[in-house]
mmCIF file of all heavy atoms, coordinates in Angstrom:
data_MODEL
# 
_entry.id   MODEL 
# 
loop_
_atom_site.group_PDB 
_atom_site.id 
_atom_site.type_symbol 
_atom_site.label_atom_id 
_atom_site.label_alt_id 
_atom_site.label_comp_id 
_atom_site.label_asym_id 
_atom_site.label_entity_id 
_atom_site.label_seq_id 
_atom_site.pdbx_PDB_ins_code 
_atom_site.Cartn_x 
_atom_site.Cartn_y 
_atom_site.Cartn_z 
_atom_site.occupancy 
_atom_site.B_iso_or_equiv 
_atom_site.pdbx_formal_charge 
_atom_site.auth_seq_id 
_atom_site.auth_comp_id 
_atom_site.auth_asym_id 
_atom_site.auth_atom_id 
_atom_site.pdbx_PDB_model_num 
ATOM 1   N N   . VAL A 1 1  ? 268.699 141.409 -88.545  1.00 0.00 ? 1  VAL A N   1 
ATOM 2   C CA  . VAL A 1 1  ? 269.294 140.143 -88.992  1.00 0.00 ? 1  VAL A CA  1 
ATOM 3   C C   . VAL A 1 1  ? 270.789 140.102 -88.689  1.00 0.00 ? 1  VAL A C   1 
ATOM 4   O O   . VAL A 1 1  ? 271.304 139.124 -88.138  1.00 0.00 ? 1  VAL A O   1 
ATOM 5   C CB  . VAL A 1 1  ? 269.053 139.938 -90.499  1.00 0.00 ? 1  VAL A CB  1 
ATOM 6   C CG1 . VAL A 1 1  ? 269.849 138.744 -91.015  1.00 0.00 ? 1  VAL A CG1 1 
ATOM 7   C CG2 . VAL A 1 1  ? 267.573 139.722 -90.771  1.00 0.00 ? 1  VAL A CG2 1 
ATOM 8   N N   . LEU A 1 2  ? 271.504 141.158 -89.029  1.00 0.00 ? 2  LEU A N   1 
ATOM 9   C CA  . LEU A 1 2  ? 272.955 141.154 -88.865  1.00 0.00 ? 2  LEU A CA  1 
ATOM 10  C C   . LEU A 1 2  ? 273.372 141.187 -87.398  1.00 0.00 ? 2  LEU A C   1 
ATOM 11  O O   . LEU A 1 2  ? 274.396 140.615 -87.027  1.00 0.00 ? 2  LEU A O   1 
ATOM 12  C CB  . LEU A 1 2  ? 273.586 142.316 -89.637  1.00 0.00 ? 2  LEU A CB  1 
ATOM 13  C CG  . LEU A 1 2  ? 273.413 142.237 -91.165  1.00 0.00 ? 2  LEU A CG  1 
ATOM 14  C CD1 . LEU A 1 2  ? 274.034 143.449 -91.843  1.00 0.00 ? 2  LEU A CD1 1 
ATOM 15  C CD2 . LEU A 1 2  ? 274.037 140.956 -91.718  1.00 0.00 ? 2  LEU A CD2 1 
ATOM 16  N N   . GLN A 1 3  ? 272.581 141.845 -86.555  1.00 0.00 ? 3  GLN A N   1 
ATOM 17  C CA  . GLN A 1 3  ? 272.869 141.806 -85.119  1.00 0.00 ? 3  GLN A CA  1 
ATOM 18  C C   . GLN A 1 3  ? 272.710 140.386 -84.591  1.00 0.00 ? 3  GLN A C   1 
ATOM 19  O O   . GLN A 1 3  ? 273.496 139.913 -83.764  1.00 0.00 ? 3  GLN A O   1 
ATOM 20  C CB  . GLN A 1 3  ? 271.948 142.762 -84.358  1.00 0.00 ? 3  GLN A CB  1 
ATOM 21  C CG  . GLN A 1 3  ? 272.344 144.219 -84.479  1.00 0.00 ? 3  GLN A CG  1 
ATOM 22  C CD  . GLN A 1 3  ? 271.435 145.138 -83.683  1.00 0.00 ? 3  GLN A CD  1 
ATOM 23  O OE1 . GLN A 1 3  ? 270.447 144.711 -83.082  1.00 0.00 ? 3  GLN A OE1 1 
ATOM 24  N NE2 . GLN A 1 3  ? 271.747 146.419 -83.673  1.00 0.00 ? 3  GLN A NE2 1 
ATOM 25  N N   . GLU A 1 4  ? 271.696 139.680 -85.068  1.00 0.00 ? 4  GLU A N   1 
ATOM 26  C CA  . GLU A 1 4  ? 271.478 138.297 -84.655  1.00 0.00 ? 4  GLU A CA  1 
ATOM 27  C C   . GLU A 1 4  ? 272.618 137.399 -85.120  1.00 0.00 ? 4  GLU A C   1 
ATOM 28  O O   . GLU A 1 4  ? 273.041 136.476 -84.417  1.00 0.00 ? 4  GLU A O   1 
ATOM 29  C CB  . GLU A 1 4  ? 270.156 137.790 -85.239  1.00 0.00 ? 4  GLU A CB  1 
ATOM 30  C CG  . GLU A 1 4  ? 269.889 136.310 -85.049  1.00 0.00 ? 4  GLU A CG  1 
ATOM 31  C CD  . GLU A 1 4  ? 269.668 135.901 -83.601  1.00 0.00 ? 4  GLU A CD  1 
ATOM 32  O OE1 . GLU A 1 4  ? 269.305 136.776 -82.786  1.00 0.00 ? 4  GLU A OE1 1 
ATOM 33  O OE2 . GLU A 1 4  ? 269.887 134.727 -83.271  1.00 0.00 ? 4  GLU A OE2 1 
ATOM 34  N N   . GLU A 1 5  ? 273.153 137.701 -86.296  1.00 0.00 ? 5  GLU A N   1 
ATOM 35  C CA  . GLU A 1 5  ? 274.169 136.833 -86.894  1.00 0.00 ? 5  GLU A CA  1 
ATOM 36  C C   . GLU A 1 5  ? 275.562 137.016 -86.326  1.00 0.00 ? 5  GLU A C   1 
ATOM 37  O O   . GLU A 1 5  ? 276.405 136.146 -86.465  1.00 0.00 ? 5  GLU A O   1 
ATOM 38  C CB  . GLU A 1 5  ? 274.208 137.059 -88.399  1.00 0.00 ? 5  GLU A CB  1 
ATOM 39  C CG  . GLU A 1 5  ? 273.024 136.474 -89.118  1.00 0.00 ? 5  GLU A CG  1 
ATOM 40  C CD  . GLU A 1 5  ? 272.959 134.969 -88.956  1.00 0.00 ? 5  GLU A CD  1 
ATOM 41  O OE1 . GLU A 1 5  ? 273.747 134.254 -89.579  1.00 0.00 ? 5  GLU A OE1 1 
ATOM 42  O OE2 . GLU A 1 5  ? 272.119 134.516 -88.168  1.00 0.00 ? 5  GLU A OE2 1 
ATOM 43  N N   . GLY A 1 6  ? 275.843 138.150 -85.698  1.00 0.00 ? 6  GLY A N   1 
ATOM 44  C CA  . GLY A 1 6  ? 277.158 138.318 -85.100  1.00 0.00 ? 6  GLY A CA  1 
ATOM 45  C C   . GLY A 1 6  ? 278.042 139.300 -85.846  1.00 0.00 ? 6  GLY A C   1 
ATOM 46  O O   . GLY A 1 6  ? 277.697 139.797 -86.927  1.00 0.00 ? 6  GLY A O   1 
ATOM 47  N N   . PRO A 1 7  ? 279.227 139.560 -85.300  1.00 0.00 ? 7  PRO A N   1 
ATOM 48  C CA  . PRO A 1 7  ? 280.074 140.661 -85.777  1.00 0.00 ? 7  PRO A CA  1 
ATOM 49  C C   . PRO A 1 7  ? 280.652 140.480 -87.175  1.00 0.00 ? 7  PRO A C   1 
ATOM 50  O O   . PRO A 1 7  ? 281.078 141.447 -87.786  1.00 0.00 ? 7  PRO A O   1 
ATOM 51  C CB  . PRO A 1 7  ? 281.195 140.715 -84.730  1.00 0.00 ? 7  PRO A CB  1 
ATOM 52  C CG  . PRO A 1 7  ? 281.236 139.338 -84.137  1.00 0.00 ? 7  PRO A CG  1 
ATOM 53  C CD  . PRO A 1 7  ? 279.816 138.874 -84.136  1.00 0.00 ? 7  PRO A CD  1 
ATOM 54  N N   . THR A 1 8  ? 280.717 139.274 -87.681  1.00 0.00 ? 8  THR A N   1 
ATOM 55  C CA  . THR A 1 8  ? 281.316 139.057 -89.005  1.00 0.00 ? 8  THR A CA  1 
ATOM 56  C C   . THR A 1 8  ? 280.269 138.907 -90.105  1.00 0.00 ? 8  THR A C   1 
ATOM 57  O O   . THR A 1 8  ? 280.614 138.635 -91.254  1.00 0.00 ? 8  THR A O   1 
ATOM 58  C CB  . THR A 1 8  ? 282.204 137.800 -89.000  1.00 0.00 ? 8  THR A CB  1 
ATOM 59  O OG1 . THR A 1 8  ? 281.371 136.642 -88.818  1.00 0.00 ? 8  THR A OG1 1 
ATOM 60  C CG2 . THR A 1 8  ? 283.237 137.852 -87.889  1.00 0.00 ? 8  THR A CG2 1 
ATOM 61  N N   . ALA A 1 9  ? 279.006 139.095 -89.782  1.00 0.00 ? 9  ALA A N   1 
ATOM 62  C CA  . ALA A 1 9  ? 277.925 138.821 -90.731  1.00 0.00 ? 9  ALA A CA  1 
ATOM 63  C C   . ALA A 1 9  ? 277.845 139.876 -91.835  1.00 0.00 ? 9  ALA A C   1 
ATOM 64  O O   . ALA A 1 9  ? 278.145 141.051 -91.630  1.00 0.00 ? 9  ALA A O   1 
ATOM 65  C CB  . ALA A 1 9  ? 276.593 138.752 -89.998  1.00 0.00 ? 9  ALA A CB  1 
ATOM 66  N N   . SER A 1 10 ? 277.416 139.423 -92.989  1.00 0.00 ? 10 SER A N   1 
ATOM 67  C CA  . SER A 1 10 ? 277.143 140.311 -94.115  1.00 0.00 ? 10 SER A CA  1 
ATOM 68  C C   . SER A 1 10 ? 275.886 139.816 -94.811  1.00 0.00 ? 10 SER A C   1 
ATOM 69  O O   . SER A 1 10 ? 275.457 138.677 -94.613  1.00 0.00 ? 10 SER A O   1 
ATOM 70  C CB  . SER A 1 10 ? 278.313 140.309 -95.110  1.00 0.00 ? 10 SER A CB  1 
ATOM 71  O OG  . SER A 1 10 ? 278.407 139.046 -95.761  1.00 0.00 ? 10 SER A OG  1 
ATOM 72  N N   . ASN A 1 11 ? 275.285 140.668 -95.630  1.00 0.00 ? 11 ASN A N   1 
ATOM 73  C CA  . ASN A 1 11 ? 274.099 140.260 -96.380  1.00 0.00 ? 11 ASN A CA  1 
ATOM 74  C C   . ASN A 1 11 ? 274.419 139.074 -97.280  1.00 0.00 ? 11 ASN A C   1 
ATOM 75  O O   . ASN A 1 11 ? 273.634 138.132 -97.426  1.00 0.00 ? 11 ASN A O   1 
ATOM 76  C CB  . ASN A 1 11 ? 273.565 141.421 -97.215  1.00 0.00 ? 11 ASN A CB  1 
ATOM 77  C CG  . ASN A 1 11 ? 274.529 141.842 -98.320  1.00 0.00 ? 11 ASN A CG  1 
ATOM 78  O OD1 . ASN A 1 11 ? 275.700 142.133 -98.042  1.00 0.00 ? 11 ASN A OD1 1 
ATOM 79  N ND2 . ASN A 1 11 ? 274.059 141.887 -99.546  1.00 0.00 ? 11 ASN A ND2 1 
ATOM 80  N N   . GLU A 1 12 ? 275.595 139.104 -97.872  1.00 0.00 ? 12 GLU A N   1 
ATOM 81  C CA  . GLU A 1 12 ? 276.014 138.039 -98.783  1.00 0.00 ? 12 GLU A CA  1 
ATOM 82  C C   . GLU A 1 12 ? 276.057 136.692 -98.070  1.00 0.00 ? 12 GLU A C   1 
ATOM 83  O O   . GLU A 1 12 ? 275.564 135.678 -98.577  1.00 0.00 ? 12 GLU A O   1 
ATOM 84  C CB  . GLU A 1 12 ? 277.396 138.389 -99.339  1.00 0.00 ? 12 GLU A CB  1 
ATOM 85  C CG  . GLU A 1 12 ? 277.902 137.467 -100.411 1.00 0.00 ? 12 GLU A CG  1 
ATOM 86  C CD  . GLU A 1 12 ? 279.248 137.925 -100.942 1.00 0.00 ? 12 GLU A CD  1 
ATOM 87  O OE1 . GLU A 1 12 ? 280.070 138.441 -100.155 1.00 0.00 ? 12 GLU A OE1 1 
ATOM 88  O OE2 . GLU A 1 12 ? 279.479 137.755 -102.150 1.00 0.00 ? 12 GLU A OE2 1 
ATOM 89  N N   . LYS A 1 13 ? 276.637 136.663 -96.859  1.00 0.00 ? 13 LYS A N   1 
ATOM 90  C CA  . LYS A 1 13 ? 276.757 135.427 -96.096  1.00 0.00 ? 13 LYS A CA  1 
ATOM 91  C C   . LYS A 1 13 ? 275.393 134.937 -95.629  1.00 0.00 ? 13 LYS A C   1 
ATOM 92  O O   . LYS A 1 13 ? 275.092 133.735 -95.696  1.00 0.00 ? 13 LYS A O   1 
ATOM 93  C CB  . LYS A 1 13 ? 277.673 135.661 -94.894  1.00 0.00 ? 13 LYS A CB  1 
ATOM 94  C CG  . LYS A 1 13 ? 277.865 134.435 -93.996  1.00 0.00 ? 13 LYS A CG  1 
ATOM 95  C CD  . LYS A 1 13 ? 278.616 133.331 -94.682  1.00 0.00 ? 13 LYS A CD  1 
ATOM 96  C CE  . LYS A 1 13 ? 278.908 132.186 -93.734  1.00 0.00 ? 13 LYS A CE  1 
ATOM 97  N NZ  . LYS A 1 13 ? 279.431 130.999 -94.418  1.00 0.00 ? 13 LYS A NZ  1 
ATOM 98  N N   . VAL A 1 14 ? 274.555 135.852 -95.150  1.00 0.00 ? 14 VAL A N   1 
ATOM 99  C CA  . VAL A 1 14 ? 273.216 135.476 -94.688  1.00 0.00 ? 14 VAL A CA  1 
ATOM 100 C C   . VAL A 1 14 ? 272.411 134.846 -95.817  1.00 0.00 ? 14 VAL A C   1 
ATOM 101 O O   . VAL A 1 14 ? 271.794 133.784 -95.653  1.00 0.00 ? 14 VAL A O   1 
ATOM 102 C CB  . VAL A 1 14 ? 272.472 136.698 -94.117  1.00 0.00 ? 14 VAL A CB  1 
ATOM 103 C CG1 . VAL A 1 14 ? 270.985 136.394 -93.923  1.00 0.00 ? 14 VAL A CG1 1 
ATOM 104 C CG2 . VAL A 1 14 ? 273.085 137.127 -92.787  1.00 0.00 ? 14 VAL A CG2 1 
ATOM 105 N N   . LEU A 1 15 ? 272.421 135.481 -96.975  1.00 0.00 ? 15 LEU A N   1 
ATOM 106 C CA  . LEU A 1 15 ? 271.644 134.962 -98.103  1.00 0.00 ? 15 LEU A CA  1 
ATOM 107 C C   . LEU A 1 15 ? 272.205 133.640 -98.610  1.00 0.00 ? 15 LEU A C   1 
ATOM 108 O O   . LEU A 1 15 ? 271.443 132.742 -99.007  1.00 0.00 ? 15 LEU A O   1 
ATOM 109 C CB  . LEU A 1 15 ? 271.617 135.995 -99.228  1.00 0.00 ? 15 LEU A CB  1 
ATOM 110 C CG  . LEU A 1 15 ? 270.821 137.268 -98.914  1.00 0.00 ? 15 LEU A CG  1 
ATOM 111 C CD1 . LEU A 1 15 ? 271.025 138.314 -100.011 1.00 0.00 ? 15 LEU A CD1 1 
ATOM 112 C CD2 . LEU A 1 15 ? 269.342 136.958 -98.741  1.00 0.00 ? 15 LEU A CD2 1 
ATOM 113 N N   . LYS A 1 16 ? 273.517 133.484 -98.577  1.00 0.00 ? 16 LYS A N   1 
ATOM 114 C CA  . LYS A 1 16 ? 274.141 132.227 -98.993  1.00 0.00 ? 16 LYS A CA  1 
ATOM 115 C C   . LYS A 1 16 ? 273.735 131.092 -98.045  1.00 0.00 ? 16 LYS A C   1 
ATOM 116 O O   . LYS A 1 16 ? 273.353 130.004 -98.488  1.00 0.00 ? 16 LYS A O   1 
ATOM 117 C CB  . LYS A 1 16 ? 275.657 132.377 -99.024  1.00 0.00 ? 16 LYS A CB  1 
ATOM 118 C CG  . LYS A 1 16 ? 276.410 131.102 -99.412  1.00 0.00 ? 16 LYS A CG  1 
ATOM 119 C CD  . LYS A 1 16 ? 277.906 131.366 -99.483  1.00 0.00 ? 16 LYS A CD  1 
ATOM 120 C CE  . LYS A 1 16 ? 278.678 130.090 -99.853  1.00 0.00 ? 16 LYS A CE  1 
ATOM 121 N NZ  . LYS A 1 16 ? 278.632 129.074 -98.794  1.00 0.00 ? 16 LYS A NZ  1 
ATOM 122 N N   . ASP A 1 17 ? 273.838 131.344 -96.734  1.00 0.00 ? 17 ASP A N   1 
ATOM 123 C CA  . ASP A 1 17 ? 273.479 130.320 -95.755  1.00 0.00 ? 17 ASP A CA  1 
ATOM 124 C C   . ASP A 1 17 ? 272.011 129.931 -95.872  1.00 0.00 ? 17 ASP A C   1 
ATOM 125 O O   . ASP A 1 17 ? 271.656 128.748 -95.811  1.00 0.00 ? 17 ASP A O   1 
ATOM 126 C CB  . ASP A 1 17 ? 273.758 130.815 -94.332  1.00 0.00 ? 17 ASP A CB  1 
ATOM 127 C CG  . ASP A 1 17 ? 275.239 130.823 -93.998  1.00 0.00 ? 17 ASP A CG  1 
ATOM 128 O OD1 . ASP A 1 17 ? 276.032 130.275 -94.782  1.00 0.00 ? 17 ASP A OD1 1 
ATOM 129 O OD2 . ASP A 1 17 ? 275.601 131.382 -92.941  1.00 0.00 ? 17 ASP A OD2 1 
ATOM 130 N N   . LEU A 1 18 ? 271.156 130.933 -96.037  1.00 0.00 ? 18 LEU A N   1 
ATOM 131 C CA  . LEU A 1 18 ? 269.727 130.667 -96.135  1.00 0.00 ? 18 LEU A CA  1 
ATOM 132 C C   . LEU A 1 18 ? 269.395 129.901 -97.414  1.00 0.00 ? 18 LEU A C   1 
ATOM 133 O O   . LEU A 1 18 ? 268.579 128.974 -97.410  1.00 0.00 ? 18 LEU A O   1 
ATOM 134 C CB  . LEU A 1 18 ? 268.945 131.988 -96.091  1.00 0.00 ? 18 LEU A CB  1 
ATOM 135 C CG  . LEU A 1 18 ? 267.422 131.892 -96.001  1.00 0.00 ? 18 LEU A CG  1 
ATOM 136 C CD1 . LEU A 1 18 ? 266.989 130.998 -94.850  1.00 0.00 ? 18 LEU A CD1 1 
ATOM 137 C CD2 . LEU A 1 18 ? 266.816 133.288 -95.847  1.00 0.00 ? 18 LEU A CD2 1 
ATOM 138 N N   . SER A 1 19 ? 270.085 130.249 -98.485  1.00 0.00 ? 19 SER A N   1 
ATOM 139 C CA  . SER A 1 19 ? 269.877 129.551 -99.752  1.00 0.00 ? 19 SER A CA  1 
ATOM 140 C C   . SER A 1 19 ? 270.297 128.087 -99.635  1.00 0.00 ? 19 SER A C   1 
ATOM 141 O O   . SER A 1 19 ? 269.591 127.185 -100.117 1.00 0.00 ? 19 SER A O   1 
ATOM 142 C CB  . SER A 1 19 ? 270.688 130.235 -100.862 1.00 0.00 ? 19 SER A CB  1 
ATOM 143 O OG  . SER A 1 19 ? 270.568 129.529 -102.075 1.00 0.00 ? 19 SER A OG  1 
ATOM 144 N N   . GLU A 1 20 ? 271.422 127.829 -98.972  1.00 0.00 ? 20 GLU A N   1 
ATOM 145 C CA  . GLU A 1 20 ? 271.883 126.448 -98.778  1.00 0.00 ? 20 GLU A CA  1 
ATOM 146 C C   . GLU A 1 20 ? 270.898 125.661 -97.922  1.00 0.00 ? 20 GLU A C   1 
ATOM 147 O O   . GLU A 1 20 ? 270.637 124.479 -98.188  1.00 0.00 ? 20 GLU A O   1 
ATOM 148 C CB  . GLU A 1 20 ? 273.268 126.446 -98.116  1.00 0.00 ? 20 GLU A CB  1 
ATOM 149 C CG  . GLU A 1 20 ? 274.390 126.864 -99.038  1.00 0.00 ? 20 GLU A CG  1 
ATOM 150 C CD  . GLU A 1 20 ? 275.740 126.855 -98.342  1.00 0.00 ? 20 GLU A CD  1 
ATOM 151 O OE1 . GLU A 1 20 ? 275.783 126.562 -97.118  1.00 0.00 ? 20 GLU A OE1 1 
ATOM 152 O OE2 . GLU A 1 20 ? 276.752 127.140 -99.004  1.00 0.00 ? 20 GLU A OE2 1 
ATOM 153 N N   . TYR A 1 21 ? 270.358 126.311 -96.915  1.00 0.00 ? 21 TYR A N   1 
ATOM 154 C CA  . TYR A 1 21 ? 269.412 125.618 -96.053  1.00 0.00 ? 21 TYR A CA  1 
ATOM 155 C C   . TYR A 1 21 ? 268.116 125.311 -96.797  1.00 0.00 ? 21 TYR A C   1 
ATOM 156 O O   . TYR A 1 21 ? 267.540 124.231 -96.648  1.00 0.00 ? 21 TYR A O   1 
ATOM 157 C CB  . TYR A 1 21 ? 269.119 126.442 -94.808  1.00 0.00 ? 21 TYR A CB  1 
ATOM 158 C CG  . TYR A 1 21 ? 268.329 125.695 -93.764  1.00 0.00 ? 21 TYR A CG  1 
ATOM 159 C CD1 . TYR A 1 21 ? 268.856 124.582 -93.128  1.00 0.00 ? 21 TYR A CD1 1 
ATOM 160 C CD2 . TYR A 1 21 ? 267.046 126.100 -93.416  1.00 0.00 ? 21 TYR A CD2 1 
ATOM 161 C CE1 . TYR A 1 21 ? 268.129 123.883 -92.175  1.00 0.00 ? 21 TYR A CE1 1 
ATOM 162 C CE2 . TYR A 1 21 ? 266.310 125.407 -92.460  1.00 0.00 ? 21 TYR A CE2 1 
ATOM 163 C CZ  . TYR A 1 21 ? 266.861 124.308 -91.847  1.00 0.00 ? 21 TYR A CZ  1 
ATOM 164 O OH  . TYR A 1 21 ? 266.143 123.616 -90.902  1.00 0.00 ? 21 TYR A OH  1 
ATOM 165 N N   . LEU A 1 22 ? 267.659 126.241 -97.620  1.00 0.00 ? 22 LEU A N   1 
ATOM 166 C CA  . LEU A 1 22 ? 266.465 126.006 -98.429  1.00 0.00 ? 22 LEU A CA  1 
ATOM 167 C C   . LEU A 1 22 ? 266.706 124.858 -99.416  1.00 0.00 ? 22 LEU A C   1 
ATOM 168 O O   . LEU A 1 22 ? 265.815 124.043 -99.669  1.00 0.00 ? 22 LEU A O   1 
ATOM 169 C CB  . LEU A 1 22 ? 266.066 127.278 -99.177  1.00 0.00 ? 22 LEU A CB  1 
ATOM 170 C CG  . LEU A 1 22 ? 265.336 128.330 -98.339  1.00 0.00 ? 22 LEU A CG  1 
ATOM 171 C CD1 . LEU A 1 22 ? 265.291 129.667 -99.063  1.00 0.00 ? 22 LEU A CD1 1 
ATOM 172 C CD2 . LEU A 1 22 ? 263.921 127.856 -98.015  1.00 0.00 ? 22 LEU A CD2 1 
ATOM 173 N N   . THR A 1 23 ? 267.918 124.785 -99.956  1.00 0.00 ? 23 THR A N   1 
ATOM 174 C CA  . THR A 1 23 ? 268.269 123.675 -100.841 1.00 0.00 ? 23 THR A CA  1 
ATOM 175 C C   . THR A 1 23 ? 268.183 122.354 -100.101 1.00 0.00 ? 23 THR A C   1 
ATOM 176 O O   . THR A 1 23 ? 267.669 121.354 -100.619 1.00 0.00 ? 23 THR A O   1 
ATOM 177 C CB  . THR A 1 23 ? 269.689 123.863 -101.405 1.00 0.00 ? 23 THR A CB  1 
ATOM 178 O OG1 . THR A 1 23 ? 269.723 125.059 -102.193 1.00 0.00 ? 23 THR A OG1 1 
ATOM 179 C CG2 . THR A 1 23 ? 270.101 122.678 -102.268 1.00 0.00 ? 23 THR A CG2 1 
ATOM 180 N N   . LYS A 1 24 ? 268.701 122.338 -98.876  1.00 0.00 ? 24 LYS A N   1 
ATOM 181 C CA  . LYS A 1 24 ? 268.641 121.127 -98.056  1.00 0.00 ? 24 LYS A CA  1 
ATOM 182 C C   . LYS A 1 24 ? 267.189 120.712 -97.805  1.00 0.00 ? 24 LYS A C   1 
ATOM 183 O O   . LYS A 1 24 ? 266.840 119.540 -97.917  1.00 0.00 ? 24 LYS A O   1 
ATOM 184 C CB  . LYS A 1 24 ? 269.355 121.344 -96.727  1.00 0.00 ? 24 LYS A CB  1 
ATOM 185 C CG  . LYS A 1 24 ? 269.287 120.137 -95.821  1.00 0.00 ? 24 LYS A CG  1 
ATOM 186 C CD  . LYS A 1 24 ? 269.619 120.504 -94.395  1.00 0.00 ? 24 LYS A CD  1 
ATOM 187 C CE  . LYS A 1 24 ? 269.270 119.364 -93.465  1.00 0.00 ? 24 LYS A CE  1 
ATOM 188 N NZ  . LYS A 1 24 ? 267.838 119.019 -93.474  1.00 0.00 ? 24 LYS A NZ  1 
ATOM 189 N N   . LEU A 1 25 ? 266.334 121.670 -97.464  1.00 0.00 ? 25 LEU A N   1 
ATOM 190 C CA  . LEU A 1 25 ? 264.924 121.362 -97.221  1.00 0.00 ? 25 LEU A CA  1 
ATOM 191 C C   . LEU A 1 25 ? 264.275 120.805 -98.480  1.00 0.00 ? 25 LEU A C   1 
ATOM 192 O O   . LEU A 1 25 ? 263.502 119.839 -98.431  1.00 0.00 ? 25 LEU A O   1 
ATOM 193 C CB  . LEU A 1 25 ? 264.178 122.620 -96.762  1.00 0.00 ? 25 LEU A CB  1 
ATOM 194 C CG  . LEU A 1 25 ? 264.599 123.215 -95.412  1.00 0.00 ? 25 LEU A CG  1 
ATOM 195 C CD1 . LEU A 1 25 ? 263.832 124.503 -95.150  1.00 0.00 ? 25 LEU A CD1 1 
ATOM 196 C CD2 . LEU A 1 25 ? 264.371 122.221 -94.277  1.00 0.00 ? 25 LEU A CD2 1 
ATOM 197 N N   . ASN A 1 26 ? 264.599 121.390 -99.615  1.00 0.00 ? 26 ASN A N   1 
ATOM 198 C CA  . ASN A 1 26 ? 264.026 120.909 -100.877 1.00 0.00 ? 26 ASN A CA  1 
ATOM 199 C C   . ASN A 1 26 ? 264.522 119.504 -101.201 1.00 0.00 ? 26 ASN A C   1 
ATOM 200 O O   . ASN A 1 26 ? 263.800 118.700 -101.811 1.00 0.00 ? 26 ASN A O   1 
ATOM 201 C CB  . ASN A 1 26 ? 264.379 121.861 -102.022 1.00 0.00 ? 26 ASN A CB  1 
ATOM 202 C CG  . ASN A 1 26 ? 263.705 121.461 -103.323 1.00 0.00 ? 26 ASN A CG  1 
ATOM 203 O OD1 . ASN A 1 26 ? 262.486 121.436 -103.425 1.00 0.00 ? 26 ASN A OD1 1 
ATOM 204 N ND2 . ASN A 1 26 ? 264.518 121.116 -104.319 1.00 0.00 ? 26 ASN A ND2 1 
ATOM 205 N N   . ASN A 1 27 ? 265.753 119.196 -100.779 1.00 0.00 ? 27 ASN A N   1 
ATOM 206 C CA  . ASN A 1 27 ? 266.280 117.847 -101.021 1.00 0.00 ? 27 ASN A CA  1 
ATOM 207 C C   . ASN A 1 27 ? 265.539 116.795 -100.203 1.00 0.00 ? 27 ASN A C   1 
ATOM 208 O O   . ASN A 1 27 ? 265.544 115.612 -100.558 1.00 0.00 ? 27 ASN A O   1 
ATOM 209 C CB  . ASN A 1 27 ? 267.770 117.796 -100.675 1.00 0.00 ? 27 ASN A CB  1 
ATOM 210 C CG  . ASN A 1 27 ? 268.610 118.555 -101.672 1.00 0.00 ? 27 ASN A CG  1 
ATOM 211 O OD1 . ASN A 1 27 ? 268.161 118.847 -102.775 1.00 0.00 ? 27 ASN A OD1 1 
ATOM 212 N ND2 . ASN A 1 27 ? 269.822 118.902 -101.288 1.00 0.00 ? 27 ASN A ND2 1 
# 
C-alpha cells in the first residue's frame, strides 16, 4: 500500500483518505 501511495505516505494518511472516500460513497 505505501509503495503505491508514494514517498510521503503513512498508515495514518492512507486510512484517513480511505475513510473520507467511504464517507463520500455513503453520502
